[in-house]
N, C-alpha and C. Protein backbone atom coordinates (compact mmCIF):
# COMPACT_ATOMS: atom_id res chain seq x y z
N UNK A 1 0.87 -1.15 0.03
CA UNK A 1 0.06 -0.07 -0.04
C UNK A 1 0.85 1.28 0.09
N UNK A 2 1.95 1.32 0.76
CA UNK A 2 2.86 2.50 0.80
C UNK A 2 3.58 2.60 -0.52
N UNK A 3 3.81 1.50 -1.22
CA UNK A 3 4.51 1.46 -2.46
C UNK A 3 3.40 2.13 -3.45
N UNK A 4 2.24 1.72 -3.40
CA UNK A 4 1.25 2.34 -4.30
C UNK A 4 0.99 3.76 -4.12
N UNK A 5 0.93 4.13 -2.89
CA UNK A 5 0.77 5.75 -2.49
C UNK A 5 1.94 6.46 -3.14
N UNK A 6 3.05 5.84 -2.93
CA UNK A 6 4.34 6.56 -3.37
C UNK A 6 4.43 6.66 -4.91
N UNK A 7 4.03 5.51 -5.52
CA UNK A 7 3.96 5.53 -7.09
C UNK A 7 2.85 6.58 -7.51
N UNK A 8 1.71 6.69 -6.91
CA UNK A 8 0.69 7.66 -7.31
C UNK A 8 1.19 9.10 -7.27
N UNK A 9 1.93 9.43 -6.15
CA UNK A 9 2.30 10.74 -5.74
C UNK A 9 3.45 11.13 -6.46
N UNK A 10 4.39 10.30 -6.89
CA UNK A 10 5.55 10.66 -7.52
C UNK A 10 5.65 9.93 -9.00
N UNK A 11 4.43 9.85 -9.50
CA UNK A 11 4.27 9.13 -10.96
C UNK A 11 5.12 9.89 -11.93
N UNK A 12 5.10 11.19 -11.94
CA UNK A 12 5.68 12.07 -12.92
C UNK A 12 7.29 11.86 -12.81
N UNK A 13 7.71 11.96 -11.77
CA UNK A 13 9.13 11.87 -11.48
C UNK A 13 9.69 10.38 -11.96
N UNK A 14 8.73 9.31 -11.56
CA UNK A 14 8.98 8.05 -11.99
C UNK A 14 8.96 7.84 -13.54
N UNK A 15 8.16 8.63 -14.26
CA UNK A 15 7.95 8.68 -15.69
C UNK A 15 9.32 9.15 -16.17
N UNK A 16 9.79 10.22 -15.74
CA UNK A 16 11.05 10.93 -16.17
C UNK A 16 12.24 9.93 -16.08
N UNK A 17 12.28 9.33 -14.72
CA UNK A 17 13.41 8.29 -14.53
C UNK A 17 13.27 7.12 -15.49
N UNK A 18 12.16 6.63 -15.73
CA UNK A 18 12.02 5.51 -16.65
C UNK A 18 12.56 5.90 -18.12
N UNK A 19 12.14 7.15 -18.51
CA UNK A 19 12.62 7.56 -19.87
C UNK A 19 14.14 7.66 -19.95
N UNK A 20 14.67 8.28 -18.77
CA UNK A 20 16.11 8.32 -18.77
C UNK A 20 16.83 6.96 -18.71
N UNK A 21 16.34 6.02 -17.94
CA UNK A 21 16.72 4.60 -17.86
C UNK A 21 16.62 3.94 -19.33
N UNK A 22 15.52 4.19 -19.96
CA UNK A 22 15.39 3.73 -21.22
C UNK A 22 16.53 4.22 -22.29
N UNK A 23 16.71 5.41 -22.16
CA UNK A 23 17.71 5.92 -23.05
C UNK A 23 19.18 5.36 -22.58
N UNK A 24 19.44 5.14 -21.45
CA UNK A 24 20.75 4.72 -21.03
C UNK A 24 20.79 3.28 -21.43
N UNK A 25 19.73 2.56 -21.33
CA UNK A 25 19.58 1.06 -21.69
C UNK A 25 19.97 1.02 -23.26
N UNK A 26 19.26 1.81 -23.96
CA UNK A 26 19.51 1.92 -25.34
C UNK A 26 21.09 2.11 -25.66
N UNK A 27 21.67 2.95 -24.98
CA UNK A 27 23.08 3.34 -25.39
C UNK A 27 24.08 2.22 -24.82
N UNK A 28 23.76 1.77 -23.64
CA UNK A 28 24.79 0.78 -22.97
C UNK A 28 24.35 -0.67 -22.65
N UNK A 29 23.07 -0.88 -22.81
CA UNK A 29 22.62 -2.42 -22.55
C UNK A 29 22.01 -2.98 -23.92
N UNK A 30 20.73 -2.92 -23.90
CA UNK A 30 20.01 -3.63 -25.20
C UNK A 30 18.75 -3.00 -25.34
N UNK A 31 18.18 -2.97 -26.68
CA UNK A 31 16.86 -2.55 -27.06
C UNK A 31 15.81 -2.98 -26.13
N UNK A 32 15.87 -4.23 -25.87
CA UNK A 32 14.67 -4.90 -25.15
C UNK A 32 14.43 -4.18 -23.71
N UNK A 33 15.63 -4.06 -23.00
CA UNK A 33 15.32 -3.34 -21.74
C UNK A 33 14.95 -1.92 -21.84
N UNK A 34 15.50 -1.39 -22.99
CA UNK A 34 15.17 0.13 -23.12
C UNK A 34 13.60 0.22 -23.30
N UNK A 35 13.00 -0.74 -24.29
CA UNK A 35 11.64 -0.65 -24.63
C UNK A 35 10.63 -1.06 -23.57
N UNK A 36 11.15 -1.86 -22.55
CA UNK A 36 10.43 -2.18 -21.39
C UNK A 36 10.28 -0.85 -20.50
N UNK A 37 11.38 -0.06 -20.44
CA UNK A 37 11.42 1.15 -19.79
C UNK A 37 10.49 2.20 -20.47
N UNK A 38 10.46 2.24 -21.77
CA UNK A 38 9.61 3.08 -22.50
C UNK A 38 8.09 2.77 -22.29
N UNK A 39 7.74 1.43 -22.29
CA UNK A 39 6.42 0.97 -22.23
C UNK A 39 5.95 1.22 -20.80
N UNK A 40 6.71 1.03 -19.72
CA UNK A 40 6.25 1.34 -18.49
C UNK A 40 6.08 2.84 -18.26
N UNK A 41 6.89 3.59 -18.87
CA UNK A 41 6.69 5.17 -18.78
C UNK A 41 5.44 5.53 -19.59
N UNK A 42 4.97 4.87 -20.78
CA UNK A 42 3.91 5.27 -21.45
C UNK A 42 2.66 4.90 -20.56
N UNK A 43 2.56 3.72 -20.03
CA UNK A 43 1.53 3.33 -19.17
C UNK A 43 1.54 4.24 -17.99
N UNK A 44 2.35 4.51 -17.36
CA UNK A 44 2.51 5.67 -16.32
C UNK A 44 1.96 6.96 -16.60
N UNK A 45 2.29 7.32 -17.81
CA UNK A 45 1.86 8.63 -18.35
C UNK A 45 0.26 8.58 -18.55
N UNK A 46 -0.20 7.55 -19.01
CA UNK A 46 -1.72 7.39 -19.33
C UNK A 46 -2.35 7.49 -17.89
N UNK A 47 -1.87 6.75 -16.90
CA UNK A 47 -2.39 6.61 -15.64
C UNK A 47 -2.29 8.10 -14.94
N UNK A 48 -1.25 8.78 -15.07
CA UNK A 48 -0.96 10.10 -14.59
C UNK A 48 -2.07 11.02 -15.08
N UNK A 49 -2.35 11.06 -16.32
CA UNK A 49 -3.46 11.97 -16.82
C UNK A 49 -4.82 11.52 -16.65
N UNK A 50 -4.96 10.16 -16.96
CA UNK A 50 -6.20 9.49 -16.88
C UNK A 50 -6.95 9.26 -15.45
N UNK A 51 -6.13 9.18 -14.51
CA UNK A 51 -6.56 8.72 -13.11
C UNK A 51 -6.17 9.70 -12.04
N UNK A 52 -5.05 10.54 -12.26
CA UNK A 52 -4.38 11.40 -11.44
C UNK A 52 -4.37 10.83 -9.97
N UNK A 53 -4.59 11.52 -9.02
CA UNK A 53 -4.51 10.98 -7.55
C UNK A 53 -5.78 10.77 -6.79
N UNK A 54 -6.79 10.42 -7.69
CA UNK A 54 -8.10 10.17 -7.20
C UNK A 54 -8.25 9.01 -6.16
N UNK A 55 -7.55 8.01 -6.32
CA UNK A 55 -7.55 6.89 -5.31
C UNK A 55 -7.29 7.52 -3.91
N UNK A 56 -6.14 8.30 -3.80
CA UNK A 56 -5.63 8.89 -2.58
C UNK A 56 -6.68 9.75 -2.03
N UNK A 57 -7.32 10.62 -2.96
CA UNK A 57 -8.44 11.53 -2.36
C UNK A 57 -9.62 10.87 -1.79
N UNK A 58 -10.00 9.66 -2.57
CA UNK A 58 -11.15 8.82 -2.04
C UNK A 58 -10.76 8.29 -0.67
N UNK A 59 -9.43 7.80 -0.45
CA UNK A 59 -9.00 7.14 0.85
C UNK A 59 -8.96 8.26 1.84
N UNK A 60 -8.66 9.57 1.68
CA UNK A 60 -8.64 10.55 2.71
C UNK A 60 -9.97 10.94 3.01
N UNK A 61 -11.03 11.01 2.08
CA UNK A 61 -12.38 11.19 2.20
C UNK A 61 -12.95 10.13 3.18
N UNK A 62 -12.63 8.85 2.96
CA UNK A 62 -13.24 7.77 3.72
C UNK A 62 -12.81 7.94 5.12
N UNK A 63 -11.36 8.38 5.27
CA UNK A 63 -10.81 8.47 6.61
C UNK A 63 -11.33 9.84 7.34
N UNK A 64 -12.01 10.63 6.67
CA UNK A 64 -12.62 11.79 7.20
C UNK A 64 -11.49 13.03 7.15
N UNK A 65 -10.28 12.80 6.69
CA UNK A 65 -9.34 13.91 6.53
C UNK A 65 -9.66 14.90 5.46
N UNK A 66 -10.34 15.93 5.59
CA UNK A 66 -10.71 16.86 4.47
C UNK A 66 -9.49 17.51 4.05
N UNK A 67 -8.54 18.02 4.98
CA UNK A 67 -7.49 18.66 4.45
C UNK A 67 -6.48 17.84 3.50
N UNK A 68 -6.22 16.58 3.90
CA UNK A 68 -5.46 15.65 3.04
C UNK A 68 -6.12 15.47 1.73
N UNK A 69 -7.47 15.31 1.71
CA UNK A 69 -8.10 15.00 0.63
C UNK A 69 -8.05 16.22 -0.37
N UNK A 70 -8.20 17.38 0.17
CA UNK A 70 -7.99 18.64 -0.62
C UNK A 70 -6.47 18.67 -1.28
N UNK A 71 -5.59 18.35 -0.54
CA UNK A 71 -4.33 18.31 -0.86
C UNK A 71 -3.99 17.46 -2.10
N UNK A 72 -4.55 16.21 -2.00
CA UNK A 72 -4.40 15.24 -3.10
C UNK A 72 -5.23 15.77 -4.30
N UNK A 73 -6.36 16.26 -3.96
CA UNK A 73 -7.24 16.86 -5.11
C UNK A 73 -6.57 17.89 -5.92
N UNK A 74 -5.87 18.80 -5.20
CA UNK A 74 -5.05 19.91 -5.92
C UNK A 74 -3.91 19.48 -6.73
N UNK A 75 -3.46 18.18 -6.38
CA UNK A 75 -2.32 17.71 -7.19
C UNK A 75 -2.71 17.32 -8.62
N UNK A 76 -3.95 17.21 -8.78
CA UNK A 76 -4.65 17.01 -10.22
C UNK A 76 -4.60 18.30 -11.10
N UNK A 77 -3.65 18.51 -11.96
CA UNK A 77 -3.55 19.70 -12.66
C UNK A 77 -4.25 19.80 -14.00
N UNK A 78 -4.74 18.61 -14.46
CA UNK A 78 -5.40 18.53 -15.83
C UNK A 78 -6.75 17.78 -15.57
N UNK A 79 -7.64 18.21 -14.88
CA UNK A 79 -8.89 17.27 -14.65
C UNK A 79 -9.64 16.97 -15.91
N UNK A 80 -9.63 17.82 -17.04
CA UNK A 80 -10.21 17.59 -18.06
C UNK A 80 -9.63 16.41 -18.92
N UNK A 81 -8.49 15.95 -18.53
CA UNK A 81 -7.95 14.75 -19.18
C UNK A 81 -8.13 13.34 -18.35
N UNK A 82 -8.67 13.55 -17.24
CA UNK A 82 -9.22 12.40 -16.40
C UNK A 82 -10.27 11.55 -17.36
N UNK A 83 -10.24 10.06 -17.10
CA UNK A 83 -11.37 9.36 -17.75
C UNK A 83 -12.68 9.86 -17.30
N UNK A 84 -13.63 9.71 -18.05
CA UNK A 84 -14.89 10.42 -17.87
C UNK A 84 -15.66 10.09 -16.40
N UNK A 85 -15.62 8.68 -16.00
CA UNK A 85 -16.24 8.43 -14.81
C UNK A 85 -15.33 9.01 -13.58
N UNK A 86 -13.98 9.06 -13.74
CA UNK A 86 -13.11 9.56 -12.72
C UNK A 86 -13.18 11.11 -12.73
N UNK A 87 -13.30 11.62 -13.83
CA UNK A 87 -13.59 13.25 -13.93
C UNK A 87 -14.79 13.62 -13.21
N UNK A 88 -15.89 12.76 -13.49
CA UNK A 88 -17.10 13.12 -12.70
C UNK A 88 -16.99 13.00 -11.23
N UNK A 89 -16.38 11.93 -10.87
CA UNK A 89 -16.04 11.76 -9.44
C UNK A 89 -15.17 12.88 -8.87
N UNK A 90 -14.29 13.33 -9.64
CA UNK A 90 -13.34 14.39 -9.27
C UNK A 90 -14.16 15.69 -8.94
N UNK A 91 -15.08 16.06 -9.84
CA UNK A 91 -15.87 17.32 -9.72
C UNK A 91 -16.84 17.07 -8.44
N UNK A 92 -17.37 15.91 -8.27
CA UNK A 92 -18.24 15.58 -7.26
C UNK A 92 -17.60 15.84 -5.92
N UNK A 93 -16.31 15.17 -5.77
CA UNK A 93 -15.65 15.24 -4.55
C UNK A 93 -15.20 16.73 -4.31
N UNK A 94 -14.67 17.35 -5.45
CA UNK A 94 -14.46 18.82 -5.29
C UNK A 94 -15.64 19.67 -4.67
N UNK A 95 -16.76 19.38 -5.23
CA UNK A 95 -17.88 19.89 -4.70
C UNK A 95 -18.19 19.74 -3.12
N UNK A 96 -18.05 18.46 -2.74
CA UNK A 96 -18.32 17.86 -1.45
C UNK A 96 -17.37 18.65 -0.49
N UNK A 97 -16.04 18.78 -0.90
CA UNK A 97 -15.06 19.39 -0.08
C UNK A 97 -15.39 21.01 -0.07
N UNK A 98 -15.82 21.56 -1.10
CA UNK A 98 -16.07 23.09 -1.11
C UNK A 98 -17.28 23.28 -0.21
N UNK A 99 -18.32 22.25 -0.15
CA UNK A 99 -19.40 22.48 0.72
C UNK A 99 -19.00 22.35 2.18
N UNK A 100 -17.94 21.48 2.49
CA UNK A 100 -17.48 21.35 3.82
C UNK A 100 -16.73 22.59 4.22
N UNK A 101 -16.17 23.30 3.46
CA UNK A 101 -15.50 24.68 3.72
C UNK A 101 -16.41 25.82 3.48
N UNK A 102 -17.77 25.48 3.18
CA UNK A 102 -18.85 26.45 3.13
C UNK A 102 -18.49 27.37 1.72
N UNK A 103 -17.91 26.82 0.83
CA UNK A 103 -17.66 27.60 -0.45
C UNK A 103 -18.81 27.23 -1.40
N UNK A 104 -19.98 27.74 -1.26
CA UNK A 104 -21.08 27.19 -2.11
C UNK A 104 -21.01 27.62 -3.54
N UNK A 105 -20.47 28.67 -3.85
CA UNK A 105 -20.40 28.76 -5.17
C UNK A 105 -19.48 27.96 -5.96
N UNK A 106 -18.30 27.51 -5.41
CA UNK A 106 -17.31 26.60 -5.93
C UNK A 106 -18.02 25.31 -5.94
N UNK A 107 -18.70 24.96 -4.98
CA UNK A 107 -19.45 23.59 -4.85
C UNK A 107 -20.39 23.42 -5.97
N UNK A 108 -21.19 24.59 -6.20
CA UNK A 108 -22.20 24.54 -7.25
C UNK A 108 -21.58 24.34 -8.77
N UNK A 109 -20.48 25.20 -8.85
CA UNK A 109 -19.68 25.11 -10.17
C UNK A 109 -19.12 23.76 -10.44
N UNK A 110 -18.58 23.01 -9.42
CA UNK A 110 -18.05 21.85 -9.55
C UNK A 110 -19.06 20.67 -9.81
N UNK A 111 -20.29 20.72 -9.24
CA UNK A 111 -21.22 19.72 -9.36
C UNK A 111 -21.81 19.88 -10.79
N UNK A 112 -22.04 21.23 -11.36
CA UNK A 112 -22.56 21.26 -12.54
C UNK A 112 -21.70 20.78 -13.61
N UNK A 113 -20.19 20.85 -13.39
CA UNK A 113 -19.20 20.20 -14.40
C UNK A 113 -19.47 18.76 -14.32
N UNK A 114 -19.66 18.20 -13.22
CA UNK A 114 -19.82 16.76 -13.18
C UNK A 114 -21.20 16.28 -13.85
N UNK A 115 -22.18 16.96 -13.74
CA UNK A 115 -23.55 16.70 -14.40
C UNK A 115 -23.28 16.84 -16.04
N UNK A 116 -22.43 17.63 -16.41
CA UNK A 116 -22.20 17.81 -17.88
C UNK A 116 -21.41 16.71 -18.54
N UNK A 117 -20.93 15.89 -17.79
CA UNK A 117 -20.11 14.73 -18.25
C UNK A 117 -21.12 13.44 -18.56
N UNK A 118 -21.10 13.17 -19.77
CA UNK A 118 -22.08 12.05 -20.17
C UNK A 118 -21.43 10.86 -20.61
N UNK A 119 -21.70 9.83 -20.02
CA UNK A 119 -21.26 8.33 -20.44
C UNK A 119 -22.12 7.34 -19.73
N UNK A 120 -22.05 6.15 -20.23
CA UNK A 120 -22.95 5.05 -19.59
C UNK A 120 -22.69 4.88 -18.19
N UNK A 121 -21.37 4.95 -17.74
CA UNK A 121 -20.95 4.77 -16.28
C UNK A 121 -21.32 6.02 -15.52
N UNK A 122 -21.09 7.15 -16.05
CA UNK A 122 -21.32 8.39 -15.34
C UNK A 122 -22.82 8.52 -15.07
N UNK A 123 -23.69 7.99 -16.08
CA UNK A 123 -25.14 8.04 -16.01
C UNK A 123 -25.46 7.56 -14.52
N UNK A 124 -24.92 6.63 -13.93
CA UNK A 124 -25.32 6.16 -12.59
C UNK A 124 -25.30 7.16 -11.64
N UNK A 125 -24.28 8.17 -11.77
CA UNK A 125 -24.07 9.24 -10.82
C UNK A 125 -25.00 10.41 -10.86
N UNK A 126 -25.87 10.37 -11.93
CA UNK A 126 -26.65 11.64 -12.23
C UNK A 126 -27.51 11.87 -11.06
N UNK A 127 -28.27 10.92 -10.40
CA UNK A 127 -29.00 11.10 -9.36
C UNK A 127 -28.33 11.65 -8.17
N UNK A 128 -27.18 11.12 -7.94
CA UNK A 128 -26.45 11.67 -6.71
C UNK A 128 -25.83 13.20 -7.09
N UNK A 129 -25.57 13.47 -8.24
CA UNK A 129 -25.15 14.86 -8.57
C UNK A 129 -26.26 15.86 -8.50
N UNK A 130 -27.51 15.39 -8.90
CA UNK A 130 -28.67 16.19 -8.77
C UNK A 130 -28.97 16.57 -7.38
N UNK A 131 -28.93 15.39 -6.47
CA UNK A 131 -29.15 15.55 -5.05
C UNK A 131 -28.13 16.44 -4.57
N UNK A 132 -26.92 16.45 -4.91
CA UNK A 132 -25.90 17.37 -4.26
C UNK A 132 -26.30 18.80 -4.69
N UNK A 133 -26.61 18.97 -5.96
CA UNK A 133 -26.93 20.43 -6.49
C UNK A 133 -28.17 20.94 -5.57
N UNK A 134 -29.19 20.03 -5.40
CA UNK A 134 -30.38 20.43 -4.62
C UNK A 134 -29.93 20.82 -3.16
N UNK A 135 -29.04 20.14 -2.61
CA UNK A 135 -28.64 20.56 -1.05
C UNK A 135 -28.02 21.81 -1.19
N UNK A 136 -27.22 22.06 -2.27
CA UNK A 136 -26.38 23.31 -2.36
C UNK A 136 -27.28 24.44 -2.56
N UNK A 137 -28.34 24.28 -3.39
CA UNK A 137 -29.45 25.27 -3.54
C UNK A 137 -30.24 25.59 -2.35
N UNK A 138 -30.33 24.48 -1.40
CA UNK A 138 -31.06 24.81 -0.19
C UNK A 138 -30.18 25.63 0.72
N UNK A 139 -28.88 25.39 0.77
CA UNK A 139 -28.04 26.11 1.69
C UNK A 139 -27.90 27.56 1.13
N UNK A 140 -28.07 27.76 -0.25
CA UNK A 140 -28.06 29.08 -0.71
C UNK A 140 -29.43 29.85 -0.67
N UNK A 141 -30.40 29.12 -0.14
CA UNK A 141 -31.79 29.68 0.21
C UNK A 141 -32.62 29.68 -1.09
N UNK A 142 -32.06 29.03 -2.21
CA UNK A 142 -32.94 28.95 -3.27
C UNK A 142 -33.92 27.67 -3.33
N UNK A 143 -34.91 27.86 -2.56
CA UNK A 143 -35.89 26.63 -2.26
C UNK A 143 -36.46 26.08 -3.56
N UNK A 144 -36.86 27.02 -4.47
CA UNK A 144 -37.57 26.49 -5.67
C UNK A 144 -36.72 25.68 -6.55
N UNK A 145 -35.42 26.08 -6.72
CA UNK A 145 -34.61 25.35 -7.58
C UNK A 145 -34.04 24.06 -6.88
N UNK A 146 -33.88 24.11 -5.63
CA UNK A 146 -33.62 23.05 -4.78
C UNK A 146 -34.79 21.91 -4.97
N UNK A 147 -35.94 22.27 -4.87
CA UNK A 147 -37.07 21.34 -4.91
C UNK A 147 -37.09 20.65 -6.33
N UNK A 148 -36.81 21.40 -7.40
CA UNK A 148 -36.75 20.77 -8.76
C UNK A 148 -35.71 19.94 -8.83
N UNK A 149 -34.47 20.35 -8.33
CA UNK A 149 -33.35 19.32 -8.45
C UNK A 149 -33.30 18.10 -7.72
N UNK A 150 -33.99 18.22 -6.44
CA UNK A 150 -34.23 16.88 -5.60
C UNK A 150 -35.25 15.99 -6.33
N UNK A 151 -36.21 16.63 -6.80
CA UNK A 151 -37.20 15.68 -7.53
C UNK A 151 -36.72 15.06 -8.67
N UNK A 152 -35.74 15.80 -9.49
CA UNK A 152 -35.07 15.22 -10.69
C UNK A 152 -34.09 14.15 -10.08
N UNK A 153 -33.53 14.24 -8.90
CA UNK A 153 -32.48 13.30 -8.42
C UNK A 153 -33.28 11.97 -8.07
N UNK A 154 -34.38 12.12 -7.53
CA UNK A 154 -35.19 10.84 -7.26
C UNK A 154 -35.61 10.23 -8.58
N UNK A 155 -35.94 10.92 -9.50
CA UNK A 155 -36.42 10.41 -10.75
C UNK A 155 -35.19 9.59 -11.47
N UNK A 156 -34.03 10.29 -11.34
CA UNK A 156 -32.90 9.77 -11.91
C UNK A 156 -32.29 8.53 -11.27
N UNK A 157 -32.60 8.51 -10.01
CA UNK A 157 -32.17 7.43 -9.19
C UNK A 157 -31.03 7.57 -8.17
N UNK A 158 -31.14 7.58 -6.95
CA UNK A 158 -30.12 7.82 -5.85
C UNK A 158 -29.60 6.46 -5.47
N UNK A 159 -28.40 6.18 -5.48
CA UNK A 159 -27.82 4.92 -5.23
C UNK A 159 -28.03 4.20 -3.87
N UNK A 160 -28.03 5.08 -2.79
CA UNK A 160 -28.07 4.37 -1.48
C UNK A 160 -29.34 4.95 -0.63
N UNK A 161 -29.82 4.12 0.21
CA UNK A 161 -30.99 4.32 0.86
C UNK A 161 -30.94 5.62 1.80
N UNK A 162 -29.69 5.71 2.45
CA UNK A 162 -29.61 6.94 3.49
C UNK A 162 -29.67 8.28 2.53
N UNK A 163 -29.12 8.14 1.44
CA UNK A 163 -29.17 9.49 0.66
C UNK A 163 -30.41 9.69 0.23
N UNK A 164 -31.19 8.67 -0.41
CA UNK A 164 -32.55 8.78 -0.84
C UNK A 164 -33.54 9.30 0.30
N UNK A 165 -33.43 8.76 1.62
CA UNK A 165 -34.12 9.15 2.69
C UNK A 165 -33.84 10.63 3.06
N UNK A 166 -32.60 10.92 3.03
CA UNK A 166 -32.24 12.42 3.26
C UNK A 166 -32.99 13.38 2.26
N UNK A 167 -32.99 12.88 0.87
CA UNK A 167 -33.59 13.72 -0.20
C UNK A 167 -35.27 13.85 0.12
N UNK A 168 -35.76 12.75 0.56
CA UNK A 168 -37.24 12.80 0.77
C UNK A 168 -37.46 13.71 2.13
N UNK A 169 -36.55 13.71 3.04
CA UNK A 169 -36.69 14.49 4.22
C UNK A 169 -36.60 16.03 3.92
N UNK A 170 -35.63 16.35 2.99
CA UNK A 170 -35.62 17.74 2.58
C UNK A 170 -36.78 18.14 1.74
N UNK A 171 -37.40 17.17 1.04
CA UNK A 171 -38.58 17.61 0.21
C UNK A 171 -39.75 17.62 1.14
N UNK A 172 -39.66 16.85 2.16
CA UNK A 172 -40.83 16.94 3.26
C UNK A 172 -40.84 18.47 3.83
N UNK A 173 -39.66 18.83 4.22
CA UNK A 173 -39.47 20.14 4.92
C UNK A 173 -39.98 21.37 3.81
N UNK A 174 -39.62 21.19 2.48
CA UNK A 174 -39.94 22.12 1.60
C UNK A 174 -41.45 22.15 1.31
N UNK A 175 -42.01 20.93 1.21
CA UNK A 175 -43.43 20.91 1.00
C UNK A 175 -44.17 21.47 2.20
N UNK A 176 -43.78 21.18 3.38
CA UNK A 176 -44.32 21.77 4.56
C UNK A 176 -44.41 23.38 4.65
N UNK A 177 -43.27 23.83 4.10
CA UNK A 177 -43.03 25.43 4.04
C UNK A 177 -43.93 25.90 2.98
N UNK A 178 -44.27 25.06 2.08
CA UNK A 178 -45.27 25.41 0.94
C UNK A 178 -46.67 25.22 1.44
N UNK A 179 -46.95 24.54 2.60
CA UNK A 179 -48.34 24.16 2.98
C UNK A 179 -48.90 23.16 2.21
N UNK A 180 -48.06 22.34 1.54
CA UNK A 180 -48.48 21.14 0.93
C UNK A 180 -48.30 19.97 1.82
N UNK A 181 -49.31 20.01 2.82
CA UNK A 181 -49.00 19.06 3.88
C UNK A 181 -49.18 17.63 3.54
N UNK A 182 -50.09 17.30 2.65
CA UNK A 182 -50.38 15.95 2.12
C UNK A 182 -49.06 15.31 1.47
N UNK A 183 -48.53 16.23 0.63
CA UNK A 183 -47.25 15.71 -0.13
C UNK A 183 -46.16 15.63 0.82
N UNK A 184 -46.05 16.60 1.85
CA UNK A 184 -45.02 16.46 2.92
C UNK A 184 -44.99 15.11 3.69
N UNK A 185 -46.17 14.82 3.92
CA UNK A 185 -46.49 13.63 4.69
C UNK A 185 -45.93 12.36 3.77
N UNK A 186 -46.30 12.45 2.49
CA UNK A 186 -45.88 11.37 1.60
C UNK A 186 -44.41 11.23 1.61
N UNK A 187 -43.66 12.38 1.51
CA UNK A 187 -42.20 12.30 1.49
C UNK A 187 -41.66 11.60 2.89
N UNK A 188 -42.30 12.07 3.89
CA UNK A 188 -41.83 11.63 5.29
C UNK A 188 -42.01 10.23 5.27
N UNK A 189 -43.18 9.60 4.97
CA UNK A 189 -43.38 8.17 4.83
C UNK A 189 -42.46 7.46 4.05
N UNK A 190 -42.08 7.95 2.86
CA UNK A 190 -41.05 7.28 1.98
C UNK A 190 -39.65 7.33 2.57
N UNK A 191 -39.49 8.41 3.34
CA UNK A 191 -38.09 8.42 4.02
C UNK A 191 -37.97 7.37 5.17
N UNK A 192 -39.14 7.39 5.94
CA UNK A 192 -39.16 6.38 6.98
C UNK A 192 -39.17 4.93 6.59
N UNK A 193 -39.96 4.63 5.50
CA UNK A 193 -39.99 3.34 5.02
C UNK A 193 -38.61 2.79 4.49
N UNK A 194 -37.71 3.67 4.14
CA UNK A 194 -36.40 3.32 3.63
C UNK A 194 -35.45 2.78 4.77
N UNK A 195 -35.88 3.09 6.16
CA UNK A 195 -35.18 2.51 7.28
C UNK A 195 -33.70 2.96 7.21
N UNK A 196 -33.48 4.16 7.11
CA UNK A 196 -32.01 4.65 7.05
C UNK A 196 -31.30 4.23 8.30
N UNK A 197 -29.91 4.18 7.99
CA UNK A 197 -28.88 3.63 9.19
C UNK A 197 -28.32 4.85 9.71
N UNK A 198 -28.09 5.96 8.99
CA UNK A 198 -27.34 7.31 9.42
C UNK A 198 -27.99 7.84 10.60
N UNK A 199 -27.24 8.07 11.60
CA UNK A 199 -27.75 8.65 12.92
C UNK A 199 -28.46 9.84 12.81
N UNK A 200 -27.78 10.82 12.04
CA UNK A 200 -28.37 12.08 11.85
C UNK A 200 -29.79 12.11 11.20
N UNK A 201 -29.92 11.37 10.26
CA UNK A 201 -31.22 11.02 9.35
C UNK A 201 -32.22 10.39 10.30
N UNK A 202 -31.88 9.48 11.07
CA UNK A 202 -32.75 8.92 12.15
C UNK A 202 -33.27 10.02 13.05
N UNK A 203 -32.42 10.67 13.56
CA UNK A 203 -32.64 11.71 14.51
C UNK A 203 -33.67 12.84 13.98
N UNK A 204 -33.47 13.06 12.65
CA UNK A 204 -34.39 13.97 11.89
C UNK A 204 -35.76 13.48 11.82
N UNK A 205 -35.78 12.20 11.58
CA UNK A 205 -37.09 11.46 11.39
C UNK A 205 -37.81 11.46 12.79
N UNK A 206 -37.08 11.18 13.86
CA UNK A 206 -37.68 11.17 15.11
C UNK A 206 -38.32 12.71 15.57
N UNK A 207 -37.45 13.62 15.16
CA UNK A 207 -37.85 15.06 15.64
C UNK A 207 -39.09 15.44 14.74
N UNK A 208 -39.21 14.95 13.56
CA UNK A 208 -40.30 15.45 12.48
C UNK A 208 -41.41 14.64 12.77
N UNK A 209 -41.46 13.53 13.38
CA UNK A 209 -42.61 12.60 13.56
C UNK A 209 -43.77 13.35 14.19
N UNK A 210 -43.61 14.06 15.34
CA UNK A 210 -44.56 14.84 15.96
C UNK A 210 -45.17 15.90 15.19
N UNK A 211 -44.37 16.49 14.46
CA UNK A 211 -44.93 17.62 13.77
C UNK A 211 -45.76 17.17 12.59
N UNK A 212 -45.20 16.06 11.90
CA UNK A 212 -46.12 15.40 10.76
C UNK A 212 -47.47 15.06 11.25
N UNK A 213 -47.53 14.46 12.54
CA UNK A 213 -48.76 13.93 13.15
C UNK A 213 -49.80 15.07 13.21
N UNK A 214 -49.26 16.25 13.44
CA UNK A 214 -50.13 17.48 13.77
C UNK A 214 -50.48 18.16 12.42
N UNK A 215 -49.85 17.77 11.42
CA UNK A 215 -50.18 18.44 9.99
C UNK A 215 -51.72 18.10 9.57
N UNK A 216 -52.35 19.05 9.05
CA UNK A 216 -53.54 18.65 8.36
C UNK A 216 -53.35 17.97 7.09
N UNK A 217 -54.51 17.40 6.53
CA UNK A 217 -54.44 16.70 5.34
C UNK A 217 -54.11 15.23 5.24
């Protein structure tokens, strides 16, 4: 694992070293050794531009180390050259990290870039991207746009139950503010029926239950 981290972090230097070794092998050893070095350098170059440091970013996010995740993310200098699914993930993570630092404009800009990327694999992320955009709009106070994006997210498909439950809860709150109590109750029921495991979502469900019971309709 340490070797892989080292390889990802210093891939560019390794590429340069492989090219130099290839040239030296051509001059002093044999063409076969030289071409092995060149081929390894080419593969490393493809991975450098196509994948960047995204593996390390995801590991840092999983560990909850936002600063380290941002550091690894900033090492990707050419995001437009990343493979489409990885590029979409890059912009989504960039949006998440920007939200964590309360930079909502940057978060929105990044998630919209992720949404623009079209491919069969990226299509599975559309719902999650729209959900993220909806949450950003909510934080910015744009309730109407947030409602539209969250409804679109549900239609596109949200991959995990906790995220889907969180989306229904937000829509429940929005509909309650609009005094659409029947629709609010429907979203609350859908969120509850999903039986989310996330403690924050479970707590929100419990705190909302009494309010929902008192709503007309």
